[in-house]
Amino acid sequence: MSNPRFEDVYRPAIPLAYVQLIFDYAARNGVARETLVQGLGLSRSLLGSVDARVSRHDAGAILLRAIKLTGNPGTGFEIGLASSITTHGLFGFGFMAASTLREGMVFGNRFLPTRLPYLRLDVYVEGDQAVVSVLDTADLGVVRNHTFEFFLVGVYRLLMQAAFGLLEARHVELWCDYPQPKYYSRYRERLPAMRFSKASNQVRLPAAILDLPLPMANPIAAAQVTAHLERELAILGETEDLLARIRAALIIRDGRYPGLDEVSRKLNMSSRTIRRKMANHGISFRKVLDDVLRREAITLLSDTAMSIEQIADRLGYSDPANFTRAFHRWTLTTPSAYRAENGGDDGRAGR
């Protein structure tokens, strides 16, 4: 059997290598991978594929489960500390092959969407400091701070390894735009200096080293990686556009979400064409709809006082029990338990 084309296995989501960091940490703490992915519809073949990617929502669910089942809210720090240049695949190799850190940061700014498409970088110099400011372009929900802890520490690790011998941990600062979490004290000695409640999320380092030659610079390898990642970007844009259009078409209408045929008509495409395009990227219409329903359910449970029955009806479930079963499949908990754990129950929310 011939190898699958890159276009057939690429998905505009998160590389499995990042989720594998969660699996590995959870396993070291006695939590099996099967428990973390239960009910998410992730096949064994997907999780065994070299080029596999996991949707942002599935990755978030896996991270939340790992935090809950290991009992460690600092899991974001743990997986960031466990990351390395090789974790990032070609992206990490390309960064390492850059001639200088400045060139590597330009490279990272351009190709980060191939790894974490919901984050963007703003790289600039402020006085004697080089600043990598990180912006989230999607609602990351309850995993937002944990995601930034993973990413900021991961960037720190990438910089230290690529600039081996040129950069010391004491010269790096990580800024976070949220208050210092209680669990930070357990990681203080393993991390560079961190400042909380700042205006944005940043990695800061001395600007003086930006143009020093990197020890593993390789212009030929850098050019080869750049060409490959340019191709990934093109595929990413095409697939993200289709998924964005499908999600936009899934507008709730009096408790009813449109089916594939109705969405196809709205997009002026045949349902067969949509199925084929989505299958080429390992995605199904049912999976996209499930993600939409899950996000809406979590939003309504967290931000409104609607009863469970009212939320079920709004999402199109005529029987609240069916909604409860679906929610448990998505999150491994019940709607009422989720609401209680996340502070959304003010006594008016029903059962």
C-alpha atoms as a PDB file:
ATOM      1  CA  MET A   1       0.000   0.000   0.000  1.00  0.00           C
ATOM      2  CA  SER A   2       1.342   3.434  -0.911  1.00  0.00           C
ATOM      3  CA  ASN A   3       1.924   6.052   1.751  1.00  0.00           C
ATOM      4  CA  PRO A   4      -0.948   8.537   2.154  1.00  0.00           C
ATOM      5  CA  ARG A   5      -0.486  11.975   0.632  1.00  0.00           C
ATOM      6  CA  PHE A   6       0.311  14.746   3.071  1.00  0.00           C
ATOM      7  CA  GLU A   7      -2.985  16.423   2.112  1.00  0.00           C
ATOM      8  CA  ASP A   8      -4.854  13.295   3.223  1.00  0.00           C
ATOM      9  CA  VAL A   9      -3.491  13.241   6.764  1.00  0.00           C
ATOM     10  CA  TYR A  10      -3.025  16.922   7.590  1.00  0.00           C
ATOM     11  CA  ARG A  11      -5.602  18.580   9.783  1.00  0.00           C
ATOM     12  CA  PRO A  12      -5.647  22.208  10.930  1.00  0.00           C
ATOM     13  CA  ALA A  13      -5.434  21.286  14.581  1.00  0.00           C
ATOM     14  CA  ILE A  14      -2.810  20.403  17.181  1.00  0.00           C
ATOM     15  CA  PRO A  15      -0.047  17.888  16.418  1.00  0.00           C
ATOM     16  CA  LEU A  16      -0.384  14.701  18.422  1.00  0.00           C
ATOM     17  CA  ALA A  17       3.159  15.287  19.743  1.00  0.00           C
ATOM     18  CA  TYR A  18       1.806  18.036  22.019  1.00  0.00           C
ATOM     19  CA  VAL A  19      -1.053  15.877  23.276  1.00  0.00           C
ATOM     20  CA  GLN A  20       1.436  13.039  23.764  1.00  0.00           C
ATOM     21  CA  LEU A  21       3.132  15.192  26.410  1.00  0.00           C
ATOM     22  CA  ILE A  22      -0.165  15.092  28.336  1.00  0.00           C
ATOM     23  CA  PHE A  23      -0.487  11.330  27.833  1.00  0.00           C
ATOM     24  CA  ASP A  24       3.064  10.781  29.089  1.00  0.00           C
ATOM     25  CA  TYR A  25       2.632  12.968  32.167  1.00  0.00           C
ATOM     26  CA  ALA A  26      -0.710  11.343  33.019  1.00  0.00           C
ATOM     27  CA  ALA A  27       0.774   7.857  32.557  1.00  0.00           C
ATOM     28  CA  ARG A  28       3.569   8.667  34.996  1.00  0.00           C
ATOM     29  CA  ASN A  29       0.806   9.457  37.479  1.00  0.00           C
ATOM     30  CA  GLY A  30      -1.201   6.303  36.891  1.00  0.00           C
ATOM     31  CA  VAL A  31      -3.784   7.656  34.416  1.00  0.00           C
ATOM     32  CA  ALA A  32      -4.121   5.668  31.187  1.00  0.00           C
ATOM     33  CA  ARG A  33      -4.420   7.315  27.781  1.00  0.00           C
ATOM     34  CA  GLU A  34      -7.652   5.401  27.164  1.00  0.00           C
ATOM     35  CA  THR A  35      -9.254   7.192  30.114  1.00  0.00           C
ATOM     36  CA  LEU A  36      -8.208  10.604  28.802  1.00  0.00           C
ATOM     37  CA  VAL A  37      -9.708  10.040  25.333  1.00  0.00           C
ATOM     38  CA  GLN A  38     -12.858   8.181  26.358  1.00  0.00           C
ATOM     39  CA  GLY A  39     -15.915   9.397  24.467  1.00  0.00           C
ATOM     40  CA  LEU A  40     -14.004  11.811  22.216  1.00  0.00           C
ATOM     41  CA  GLY A  41     -14.208   9.641  19.100  1.00  0.00           C
ATOM     42  CA  LEU A  42     -10.427   9.450  18.614  1.00  0.00           C
ATOM     43  CA  SER A  43      -9.555   6.163  16.942  1.00  0.00           C
ATOM     44  CA  ARG A  44      -6.557   3.980  17.734  1.00  0.00           C
ATOM     45  CA  SER A  45      -5.345   4.418  14.161  1.00  0.00           C
ATOM     46  CA  LEU A  46      -5.431   8.207  14.541  1.00  0.00           C
ATOM     47  CA  LEU A  47      -3.532   8.139  17.817  1.00  0.00           C
ATOM     48  CA  GLY A  48      -0.946   5.849  16.246  1.00  0.00           C
ATOM     49  CA  SER A  49      -0.356   7.979  13.159  1.00  0.00           C
ATOM     50  CA  VAL A  50       2.897   9.906  12.786  1.00  0.00           C
ATOM     51  CA  ASP A  51       1.081  12.885  11.235  1.00  0.00           C
ATOM     52  CA  ALA A  52      -1.981  12.786  13.496  1.00  0.00           C
ATOM     53  CA  ARG A  53      -3.549  15.982  14.751  1.00  0.00           C
ATOM     54  CA  VAL A  54      -6.176  16.512  17.436  1.00  0.00           C
ATOM     55  CA  SER A  55      -8.776  19.261  17.422  1.00  0.00           C
ATOM     56  CA  ARG A  56      -8.306  22.162  19.817  1.00  0.00           C
ATOM     57  CA  HIS A  57     -11.470  21.172  21.677  1.00  0.00           C
ATOM     58  CA  ASP A  58     -10.416  17.534  22.060  1.00  0.00           C
ATOM     59  CA  ALA A  59      -6.954  18.607  23.219  1.00  0.00           C
ATOM     60  CA  GLY A  60      -8.564  20.931  25.762  1.00  0.00           C
ATOM     61  CA  ALA A  61     -10.806  18.135  27.019  1.00  0.00           C
ATOM     62  CA  ILE A  62      -7.801  15.816  27.366  1.00  0.00           C
ATOM     63  CA  LEU A  63      -5.867  18.475  29.288  1.00  0.00           C
ATOM     64  CA  LEU A  64      -8.780  19.105  31.656  1.00  0.00           C
ATOM     65  CA  ARG A  65      -9.159  15.391  32.301  1.00  0.00           C
ATOM     66  CA  ALA A  66      -5.440  15.061  33.012  1.00  0.00           C
ATOM     67  CA  ILE A  67      -5.611  17.942  35.486  1.00  0.00           C
ATOM     68  CA  LYS A  68      -8.637  16.432  37.215  1.00  0.00           C
ATOM     69  CA  LEU A  69      -7.449  12.817  37.284  1.00  0.00           C
ATOM     70  CA  THR A  70      -3.851  13.539  38.319  1.00  0.00           C
ATOM     71  CA  GLY A  71      -5.011  16.142  40.817  1.00  0.00           C
ATOM     72  CA  ASN A  72      -2.374  18.579  39.555  1.00  0.00           C
ATOM     73  CA  PRO A  73      -3.541  21.996  38.270  1.00  0.00           C
ATOM     74  CA  GLY A  74       0.084  22.657  37.276  1.00  0.00           C
ATOM     75  CA  THR A  75      -0.083  20.164  34.419  1.00  0.00           C
ATOM     76  CA  GLY A  76       0.490  22.999  31.920  1.00  0.00           C
ATOM     77  CA  PHE A  77       3.858  23.705  33.544  1.00  0.00           C
ATOM     78  CA  GLU A  78       4.673  19.989  33.559  1.00  0.00           C
ATOM     79  CA  ILE A  79       4.116  19.466  29.847  1.00  0.00           C
ATOM     80  CA  GLY A  80       5.901  22.709  28.991  1.00  0.00           C
ATOM     81  CA  LEU A  81       8.954  21.573  30.959  1.00  0.00           C
ATOM     82  CA  ALA A  82       8.813  18.185  29.235  1.00  0.00           C
ATOM     83  CA  SER A  83       8.828  19.726  25.757  1.00  0.00           C
ATOM     84  CA  SER A  84      11.935  20.028  23.589  1.00  0.00           C
ATOM     85  CA  ILE A  85      12.945  21.077  20.096  1.00  0.00           C
ATOM     86  CA  THR A  86      12.025  17.629  18.788  1.00  0.00           C
ATOM     87  CA  THR A  87       8.496  17.936  20.226  1.00  0.00           C
ATOM     88  CA  HIS A  88       7.776  20.594  17.587  1.00  0.00           C
ATOM     89  CA  GLY A  89       8.858  18.406  14.660  1.00  0.00           C
ATOM     90  CA  LEU A  90       9.911  20.300  11.545  1.00  0.00           C
ATOM     91  CA  PHE A  91       8.968  23.581  13.201  1.00  0.00           C
ATOM     92  CA  GLY A  92      11.526  22.982  15.949  1.00  0.00           C
ATOM     93  CA  PHE A  93      14.138  21.785  13.472  1.00  0.00           C
ATOM     94  CA  GLY A  94      13.647  24.899  11.359  1.00  0.00           C
ATOM     95  CA  PHE A  95      13.990  27.165  14.389  1.00  0.00           C
ATOM     96  CA  MET A  96      17.169  25.385  15.424  1.00  0.00           C
ATOM     97  CA  ALA A  97      18.620  25.716  11.904  1.00  0.00           C
ATOM     98  CA  ALA A  98      18.079  29.507  11.771  1.00  0.00           C
ATOM     99  CA  SER A  99      21.240  31.627  11.567  1.00  0.00           C
ATOM    100  CA  THR A 100      20.250  33.845  14.544  1.00  0.00           C
ATOM    101  CA  LEU A 101      17.535  34.059  17.181  1.00  0.00           C
ATOM    102  CA  ARG A 102      16.090  37.032  15.304  1.00  0.00           C
ATOM    103  CA  GLU A 103      15.750  34.909  12.186  1.00  0.00           C
ATOM    104  CA  GLY A 104      14.334  32.067  14.273  1.00  0.00           C
ATOM    105  CA  MET A 105      11.696  34.365  15.767  1.00  0.00           C
ATOM    106  CA  VAL A 106      10.648  35.578  12.305  1.00  0.00           C
ATOM    107  CA  PHE A 107      10.406  31.910  11.276  1.00  0.00           C
ATOM    108  CA  GLY A 108       8.366  31.079  14.388  1.00  0.00           C
ATOM    109  CA  ASN A 109       6.028  34.009  13.865  1.00  0.00           C
ATOM    110  CA  ARG A 110       5.274  32.888  10.317  1.00  0.00           C
ATOM    111  CA  PHE A 111       4.811  29.173  10.902  1.00  0.00           C
ATOM    112  CA  LEU A 112       3.271  28.929  14.382  1.00  0.00           C
ATOM    113  CA  PRO A 113      -0.193  28.457  12.776  1.00  0.00           C
ATOM    114  CA  THR A 114       1.006  25.057  11.521  1.00  0.00           C
ATOM    115  CA  ARG A 115       1.396  23.960  15.132  1.00  0.00           C
ATOM    116  CA  LEU A 116      -0.981  25.996  17.312  1.00  0.00           C
ATOM    117  CA  PRO A 117      -3.387  27.788  14.954  1.00  0.00           C
ATOM    118  CA  TYR A 118      -5.220  29.598  17.768  1.00  0.00           C
ATOM    119  CA  LEU A 119      -2.127  31.509  18.924  1.00  0.00           C
ATOM    120  CA  ARG A 120      -0.288  34.368  17.238  1.00  0.00           C
ATOM    121  CA  LEU A 121       3.040  36.025  18.017  1.00  0.00           C
ATOM    122  CA  ASP A 122       4.063  39.663  18.057  1.00  0.00           C
ATOM    123  CA  VAL A 123       7.865  39.881  18.118  1.00  0.00           C
ATOM    124  CA  TYR A 124       9.568  43.211  18.800  1.00  0.00           C
ATOM    125  CA  VAL A 125      12.373  44.944  20.689  1.00  0.00           C
ATOM    126  CA  GLU A 126      11.585  47.143  23.694  1.00  0.00           C
ATOM    127  CA  GLY A 127      14.664  48.944  25.010  1.00  0.00           C
ATOM    128  CA  ASP A 128      17.232  46.276  25.812  1.00  0.00           C
ATOM    129  CA  GLN A 129      14.631  43.489  25.776  1.00  0.00           C
ATOM    130  CA  ALA A 130      13.462  41.244  22.956  1.00  0.00           C
ATOM    131  CA  VAL A 131       9.770  40.494  23.466  1.00  0.00           C
ATOM    132  CA  VAL A 132       7.740  37.562  22.166  1.00  0.00           C
ATOM    133  CA  SER A 133       4.151  38.542  22.934  1.00  0.00           C
ATOM    134  CA  VAL A 134       1.588  35.749  22.588  1.00  0.00           C
ATOM    135  CA  LEU A 135      -2.015  36.436  21.596  1.00  0.00           C
ATOM    136  CA  ASP A 136      -4.894  33.959  21.669  1.00  0.00           C
ATOM    137  CA  THR A 137      -7.186  34.282  18.646  1.00  0.00           C
ATOM    138  CA  ALA A 138      -9.875  31.879  19.874  1.00  0.00           C
ATOM    139  CA  ASP A 139     -11.812  31.423  23.093  1.00  0.00           C
ATOM    140  CA  LEU A 140      -9.740  28.858  25.002  1.00  0.00           C
ATOM    141  CA  GLY A 141     -12.226  28.690  27.858  1.00  0.00           C
ATOM    142  CA  VAL A 142     -11.168  27.116  31.151  1.00  0.00           C
ATOM    143  CA  VAL A 143      -7.894  25.781  29.716  1.00  0.00           C
ATOM    144  CA  ARG A 144      -6.645  29.232  28.656  1.00  0.00           C
ATOM    145  CA  ASN A 145      -4.205  29.824  31.533  1.00  0.00           C
ATOM    146  CA  HIS A 146      -2.973  26.227  31.430  1.00  0.00           C
ATOM    147  CA  THR A 147      -2.408  26.595  27.686  1.00  0.00           C
ATOM    148  CA  PHE A 148      -0.310  29.713  28.183  1.00  0.00           C
ATOM    149  CA  GLU A 149       1.695  27.988  30.913  1.00  0.00           C
ATOM    150  CA  PHE A 150       2.497  25.169  28.513  1.00  0.00           C
ATOM    151  CA  PHE A 151       3.264  27.495  25.618  1.00  0.00           C
ATOM    152  CA  LEU A 152       5.348  30.115  27.427  1.00  0.00           C
ATOM    153  CA  VAL A 153       7.453  27.472  29.159  1.00  0.00           C
ATOM    154  CA  GLY A 154       7.701  25.607  25.846  1.00  0.00           C
ATOM    155  CA  VAL A 155       9.013  28.748  24.096  1.00  0.00           C
ATOM    156  CA  TYR A 156      11.530  29.227  26.910  1.00  0.00           C
ATOM    157  CA  ARG A 157      12.721  25.629  26.442  1.00  0.00           C
ATOM    158  CA  LEU A 158      12.949  26.081  22.664  1.00  0.00           C
ATOM    159  CA  LEU A 159      14.997  29.266  23.009  1.00  0.00           C
ATOM    160  CA  MET A 160      17.359  27.733  25.549  1.00  0.00           C
ATOM    161  CA  GLN A 161      18.025  24.696  23.363  1.00  0.00           C
ATOM    162  CA  ALA A 162      18.376  26.582  20.070  1.00  0.00           C
ATOM    163  CA  ALA A 163      20.669  29.216  21.647  1.00  0.00           C
ATOM    164  CA  PHE A 164      22.675  26.688  23.641  1.00  0.00           C
ATOM    165  CA  GLY A 165      25.484  28.507  25.418  1.00  0.00           C
ATOM    166  CA  LEU A 166      24.267  31.966  24.372  1.00  0.00           C
ATOM    167  CA  LEU A 167      21.294  32.314  26.713  1.00  0.00           C
ATOM    168  CA  GLU A 168      20.989  31.641  30.433  1.00  0.00           C
ATOM    169  CA  ALA A 169      17.761  30.964  32.317  1.00  0.00           C
ATOM    170  CA  ARG A 170      18.384  33.933  34.617  1.00  0.00           C
ATOM    171  CA  HIS A 171      18.139  36.260  31.603  1.00  0.00           C
ATOM    172  CA  VAL A 172      14.617  35.129  30.656  1.00  0.00           C
ATOM    173  CA  GLU A 173      11.315  36.354  32.077  1.00  0.00           C
ATOM    174  CA  LEU A 174       7.837  35.006  31.456  1.00  0.00           C
ATOM    175  CA  TRP A 175       4.870  37.365  31.809  1.00  0.00           C
ATOM    176  CA  CYS A 176       1.278  36.232  32.305  1.00  0.00           C
ATOM    177  CA  ASP A 177      -1.873  38.344  32.067  1.00  0.00           C
ATOM    178  CA  TYR A 178      -3.646  36.522  34.904  1.00  0.00           C
ATOM    179  CA  PRO A 179      -3.064  36.383  38.673  1.00  0.00           C
ATOM    180  CA  GLN A 180      -0.418  34.102  40.123  1.00  0.00           C
ATOM    181  CA  PRO A 181      -1.936  30.638  40.635  1.00  0.00           C
ATOM    182  CA  LYS A 182      -1.480  28.929  43.982  1.00  0.00           C
ATOM    183  CA  TYR A 183       0.369  25.993  42.405  1.00  0.00           C
ATOM    184  CA  TYR A 184       3.092  28.234  40.959  1.00  0.00           C
ATOM    185  CA  SER A 185       5.111  28.015  44.184  1.00  0.00           C
ATOM    186  CA  ARG A 186       5.735  24.329  43.475  1.00  0.00           C
ATOM    187  CA  TYR A 187       7.377  25.201  40.147  1.00  0.00           C
ATOM    188  CA  ARG A 188       9.244  28.383  41.019  1.00  0.00           C
ATOM    189  CA  GLU A 189      12.650  26.661  41.229  1.00  0.00           C
ATOM    190  CA  ARG A 190      12.191  24.848  37.903  1.00  0.00           C
ATOM    191  CA  LEU A 191      11.174  27.891  35.886  1.00  0.00           C
ATOM    192  CA  PRO A 192      12.684  31.197  34.837  1.00  0.00           C
ATOM    193  CA  ALA A 193      11.414  34.319  36.611  1.00  0.00           C
ATOM    194  CA  MET A 194       7.672  34.771  36.133  1.00  0.00           C
ATOM    195  CA  ARG A 195       5.530  37.873  36.576  1.00  0.00           C
ATOM    196  CA  PHE A 196       1.760  37.681  36.819  1.00  0.00           C
ATOM    197  CA  SER A 197      -1.132  40.117  36.304  1.00  0.00           C
ATOM    198  CA  LYS A 198       0.755  41.816  33.481  1.00  0.00           C
ATOM    199  CA  ALA A 199      -0.851  43.432  30.429  1.00  0.00           C
ATOM    200  CA  SER A 200      -0.071  40.497  28.130  1.00  0.00           C
ATOM    201  CA  ASN A 201       1.549  37.066  27.933  1.00  0.00           C
ATOM    202  CA  GLN A 202       5.195  37.384  26.956  1.00  0.00           C
ATOM    203  CA  VAL A 203       8.618  35.789  26.848  1.00  0.00           C
ATOM    204  CA  ARG A 204      11.331  38.402  27.404  1.00  0.00           C
ATOM    205  CA  LEU A 205      15.091  38.013  26.865  1.00  0.00           C
ATOM    206  CA  PRO A 206      18.122  40.250  26.205  1.00  0.00           C
ATOM    207  CA  ALA A 207      17.951  41.897  22.779  1.00  0.00           C
ATOM    208  CA  ALA A 208      21.757  41.854  22.650  1.00  0.00           C
ATOM    209  CA  ILE A 209      21.823  38.164  21.711  1.00  0.00           C
ATOM    210  CA  LEU A 210      19.304  38.365  18.864  1.00  0.00           C
ATOM    211  CA  ASP A 211      21.922  38.624  16.119  1.00  0.00           C
ATOM    212  CA  LEU A 212      24.578  36.303  17.505  1.00  0.00           C
ATOM    213  CA  PRO A 213      25.121  33.228  15.285  1.00  0.00           C
ATOM    214  CA  LEU A 214      23.334  30.137  16.550  1.00  0.00           C
ATOM    215  CA  PRO A 215      25.508  27.055  17.154  1.00  0.00           C
ATOM    216  CA  MET A 216      23.380  24.727  15.002  1.00  0.00           C
ATOM    217  CA  ALA A 217      22.626  27.118  12.111  1.00  0.00           C
ATOM    218  CA  ASN A 218      22.169  25.373   8.759  1.00  0.00           C
ATOM    219  CA  PRO A 219      20.872  27.555   5.898  1.00  0.00           C
ATOM    220  CA  ILE A 220      20.201  24.608   3.554  1.00  0.00           C
ATOM    221  CA  ALA A 221      18.164  22.746   6.168  1.00  0.00           C
ATOM    222  CA  ALA A 222      16.343  25.975   7.086  1.00  0.00           C
ATOM    223  CA  ALA A 223      15.370  26.518   3.441  1.00  0.00           C
ATOM    224  CA  GLN A 224      14.115  22.935   3.090  1.00  0.00           C
ATOM    225  CA  VAL A 225      11.991  23.179   6.231  1.00  0.00           C
ATOM    226  CA  THR A 226      10.621  26.570   5.159  1.00  0.00           C
ATOM    227  CA  ALA A 227       9.489  25.152   1.812  1.00  0.00           C
ATOM    228  CA  HIS A 228       7.702  22.272   3.540  1.00  0.00           C
ATOM    229  CA  LEU A 229       5.990  24.496   6.097  1.00  0.00           C
ATOM    230  CA  GLU A 230       4.871  26.907   3.366  1.00  0.00           C
ATOM    231  CA  ARG A 231       2.993  23.958   1.925  1.00  0.00           C
ATOM    232  CA  GLU A 232       1.463  23.180   5.315  1.00  0.00           C
ATOM    233  CA  LEU A 233       0.292  26.792   5.617  1.00  0.00           C
ATOM    234  CA  ALA A 234      -1.443  26.613   2.249  1.00  0.00           C
ATOM    235  CA  ILE A 235      -3.287  23.414   3.201  1.00  0.00           C
ATOM    236  CA  LEU A 236      -4.144  24.856   6.605  1.00  0.00           C
ATOM    237  CA  GLY A 237      -5.721  27.935   5.059  1.00  0.00           C
ATOM    238  CA  GLU A 238      -7.853  25.884   2.677  1.00  0.00           C
ATOM    239  CA  THR A 239      -9.129  23.550   5.394  1.00  0.00           C
ATOM    240  CA  GLU A 240      -9.670  26.230   8.030  1.00  0.00           C
ATOM    241  CA  ASP A 241     -11.730  28.205   5.530  1.00  0.00           C
ATOM    242  CA  LEU A 242     -14.037  25.244   4.893  1.00  0.00           C
ATOM    243  CA  LEU A 243     -14.421  24.441   8.596  1.00  0.00           C
ATOM    244  CA  ALA A 244     -15.060  28.087   9.461  1.00  0.00           C
ATOM    245  CA  ARG A 245     -17.778  28.268   6.806  1.00  0.00           C
ATOM    246  CA  ILE A 246     -19.391  25.058   8.081  1.00  0.00           C
ATOM    247  CA  ARG A 247     -19.340  26.261  11.704  1.00  0.00           C
ATOM    248  CA  ALA A 248     -20.829  29.594  10.645  1.00  0.00           C
ATOM    249  CA  ALA A 249     -23.631  27.723   8.878  1.00  0.00           C
ATOM    250  CA  LEU A 250     -24.414  25.728  12.020  1.00  0.00           C
ATOM    251  CA  ILE A 251     -26.570  28.480  13.470  1.00  0.00           C
ATOM    252  CA  ILE A 252     -29.088  27.390  16.074  1.00  0.00           C
ATOM    253  CA  ARG A 253     -32.700  27.867  15.017  1.00  0.00           C
ATOM    254  CA  ASP A 254     -35.273  27.394  17.770  1.00  0.00           C
ATOM    255  CA  GLY A 255     -33.518  24.340  19.146  1.00  0.00           C
ATOM    256  CA  ARG A 256     -32.590  22.882  15.769  1.00  0.00           C
ATOM    257  CA  TYR A 257     -29.192  22.762  14.116  1.00  0.00           C
ATOM    258  CA  PRO A 258     -29.168  22.433  10.319  1.00  0.00           C
ATOM    259  CA  GLY A 259     -28.115  19.092   8.855  1.00  0.00           C
ATOM    260  CA  LEU A 260     -25.463  18.463   6.219  1.00  0.00           C
ATOM    261  CA  ASP A 261     -27.877  18.903   3.292  1.00  0.00           C
ATOM    262  CA  GLU A 262     -29.028  22.294   4.579  1.00  0.00           C
ATOM    263  CA  VAL A 263     -25.453  23.404   5.264  1.00  0.00           C
ATOM    264  CA  SER A 264     -24.483  22.265   1.760  1.00  0.00           C
ATOM    265  CA  ARG A 265     -27.165  24.448   0.229  1.00  0.00           C
ATOM    266  CA  LYS A 266     -26.018  27.455   2.271  1.00  0.00           C
ATOM    267  CA  LEU A 267     -22.432  26.942   1.083  1.00  0.00           C
ATOM    268  CA  ASN A 268     -23.473  26.329  -2.541  1.00  0.00           C
ATOM    269  CA  MET A 269     -21.705  22.966  -2.475  1.00  0.00           C
ATOM    270  CA  SER A 270     -22.976  19.422  -2.793  1.00  0.00           C
ATOM    271  CA  SER A 271     -23.081  17.328   0.366  1.00  0.00           C
ATOM    272  CA  ARG A 272     -20.886  14.773  -1.424  1.00  0.00           C
ATOM    273  CA  THR A 273     -18.217  17.416  -2.057  1.00  0.00           C
ATOM    274  CA  ILE A 274     -18.265  18.544   1.581  1.00  0.00           C
ATOM    275  CA  ARG A 275     -18.002  14.960   2.804  1.00  0.00           C
ATOM    276  CA  ARG A 276     -15.069  14.291   0.472  1.00  0.00           C
ATOM    277  CA  LYS A 277     -13.192  17.453   1.458  1.00  0.00           C
ATOM    278  CA  MET A 278     -13.698  16.797   5.158  1.00  0.00           C
ATOM    279  CA  ALA A 279     -12.760  13.120   4.830  1.00  0.00           C
ATOM    280  CA  ASN A 280      -9.505  14.148   3.139  1.00  0.00           C
ATOM    281  CA  HIS A 281      -8.611  15.904   6.384  1.00  0.00           C
ATOM    282  CA  GLY A 282      -9.890  13.223   8.754  1.00  0.00           C
ATOM    283  CA  ILE A 283     -12.941  15.229   9.870  1.00  0.00           C
ATOM    284  CA  SER A 284     -16.635  14.367   9.754  1.00  0.00           C
ATOM    285  CA  PHE A 285     -19.686  16.624   9.770  1.00  0.00           C
ATOM    286  CA  ARG A 286     -20.888  14.833  12.909  1.00  0.00           C
ATOM    287  CA  LYS A 287     -17.603  15.643  14.622  1.00  0.00           C
ATOM    288  CA  VAL A 288     -17.868  19.358  13.754  1.00  0.00           C
ATOM    289  CA  LEU A 289     -21.483  19.443  14.981  1.00  0.00           C
ATOM    290  CA  ASP A 290     -20.493  17.675  18.209  1.00  0.00           C
ATOM    291  CA  ASP A 291     -17.808  20.303  18.813  1.00  0.00           C
ATOM    292  CA  VAL A 292     -20.349  23.084  18.238  1.00  0.00           C
ATOM    293  CA  LEU A 293     -22.873  21.464  20.599  1.00  0.00           C
ATOM    294  CA  ARG A 294     -20.234  20.851  23.260  1.00  0.00           C
ATOM    295  CA  ARG A 295     -19.011  24.446  23.177  1.00  0.00           C
ATOM    296  CA  GLU A 296     -22.566  25.809  23.327  1.00  0.00           C
ATOM    297  CA  ALA A 297     -23.483  23.476  26.193  1.00  0.00           C
ATOM    298  CA  ILE A 298     -20.437  24.507  28.228  1.00  0.00           C
ATOM    299  CA  THR A 299     -21.141  28.189  27.566  1.00  0.00           C
ATOM    300  CA  LEU A 300     -24.773  27.903  28.642  1.00  0.00           C
ATOM    301  CA  LEU A 301     -23.901  25.910  31.748  1.00  0.00           C
ATOM    302  CA  SER A 302     -21.164  28.353  32.747  1.00  0.00           C
ATOM    303  CA  ASP A 303     -22.664  31.711  31.821  1.00  0.00           C
ATOM    304  CA  THR A 304     -26.441  31.381  32.203  1.00  0.00           C
ATOM    305  CA  ALA A 305     -28.992  30.345  34.823  1.00  0.00           C
ATOM    306  CA  MET A 306     -30.937  28.223  32.334  1.00  0.00           C
ATOM    307  CA  SER A 307     -32.050  24.865  33.721  1.00  0.00           C
ATOM    308  CA  ILE A 308     -30.568  21.626  32.348  1.00  0.00           C
ATOM    309  CA  GLU A 309     -33.932  20.956  30.660  1.00  0.00           C
ATOM    310  CA  GLN A 310     -33.912  24.382  28.993  1.00  0.00           C
ATOM    311  CA  ILE A 311     -30.345  23.920  27.755  1.00  0.00           C
ATOM    312  CA  ALA A 312     -31.173  20.463  26.407  1.00  0.00           C
ATOM    313  CA  ASP A 313     -34.170  21.893  24.539  1.00  0.00           C
ATOM    314  CA  ARG A 314     -32.125  24.772  23.145  1.00  0.00           C
ATOM    315  CA  LEU A 315     -29.527  22.342  21.823  1.00  0.00           C
ATOM    316  CA  GLY A 316     -32.192  20.275  20.118  1.00  0.00           C
ATOM    317  CA  TYR A 317     -32.520  17.388  22.580  1.00  0.00           C
ATOM    318  CA  SER A 318     -36.171  16.543  23.145  1.00  0.00           C
ATOM    319  CA  ASP A 319     -35.203  14.318  26.075  1.00  0.00           C
ATOM    320  CA  PRO A 320     -32.853  15.867  28.702  1.00  0.00           C
ATOM    321  CA  ALA A 321     -31.517  12.372  29.423  1.00  0.00           C
ATOM    322  CA  ASN A 322     -30.130  12.205  25.882  1.00  0.00           C
ATOM    323  CA  PHE A 323     -28.395  15.544  26.433  1.00  0.00           C
ATOM    324  CA  THR A 324     -26.917  14.278  29.710  1.00  0.00           C
ATOM    325  CA  ARG A 325     -25.568  11.161  27.965  1.00  0.00           C
ATOM    326  CA  ALA A 326     -24.077  13.244  25.152  1.00  0.00           C
ATOM    327  CA  PHE A 327     -22.491  15.695  27.602  1.00  0.00           C
ATOM    328  CA  HIS A 328     -20.982  12.824  29.587  1.00  0.00           C
ATOM    329  CA  ARG A 329     -19.540  11.407  26.341  1.00  0.00           C
ATOM    330  CA  TRP A 330     -17.921  14.786  25.597  1.00  0.00           C
ATOM    331  CA  THR A 331     -16.641  15.626  29.093  1.00  0.00           C
ATOM    332  CA  LEU A 332     -16.813  12.496  31.299  1.00  0.00           C
ATOM    333  CA  THR A 333     -19.092  14.363  33.688  1.00  0.00           C
ATOM    334  CA  THR A 334     -22.758  15.341  33.880  1.00  0.00           C
ATOM    335  CA  PRO A 335     -24.142  18.814  33.084  1.00  0.00           C
ATOM    336  CA  SER A 336     -25.123  19.406  36.731  1.00  0.00           C
ATOM    337  CA  ALA A 337     -21.726  18.254  38.041  1.00  0.00           C
ATOM    338  CA  TYR A 338     -19.928  20.428  35.495  1.00  0.00           C
ATOM    339  CA  ARG A 339     -22.007  23.451  36.483  1.00  0.00           C
ATOM    340  CA  ALA A 340     -21.374  22.874  40.185  1.00  0.00           C
ATOM    341  CA  GLU A 341     -17.616  22.469  39.686  1.00  0.00           C
ATOM    342  CA  ASN A 342     -17.362  25.604  37.544  1.00  0.00           C
ATOM    343  CA  GLY A 343     -19.444  27.939  39.675  1.00  0.00           C
ATOM    344  CA  GLY A 344     -22.327  28.269  37.261  1.00  0.00           C
ATOM    345  CA  ASP A 345     -25.080  27.074  39.602  1.00  0.00           C
ATOM    346  CA  ASP A 346     -26.717  29.964  41.445  1.00  0.00           C
ATOM    347  CA  GLY A 347     -29.624  27.955  42.749  1.00  0.00           C
ATOM    348  CA  ARG A 348     -31.885  28.687  39.805  1.00  0.00           C
ATOM    349  CA  ALA A 349     -30.340  26.299  37.322  1.00  0.00           C
ATOM    350  CA  GLY A 350     -32.488  23.270  37.835  1.00  0.00           C
ATOM    351  CA  ARG A 351     -31.152  19.786  38.239  1.00  0.00           C
END
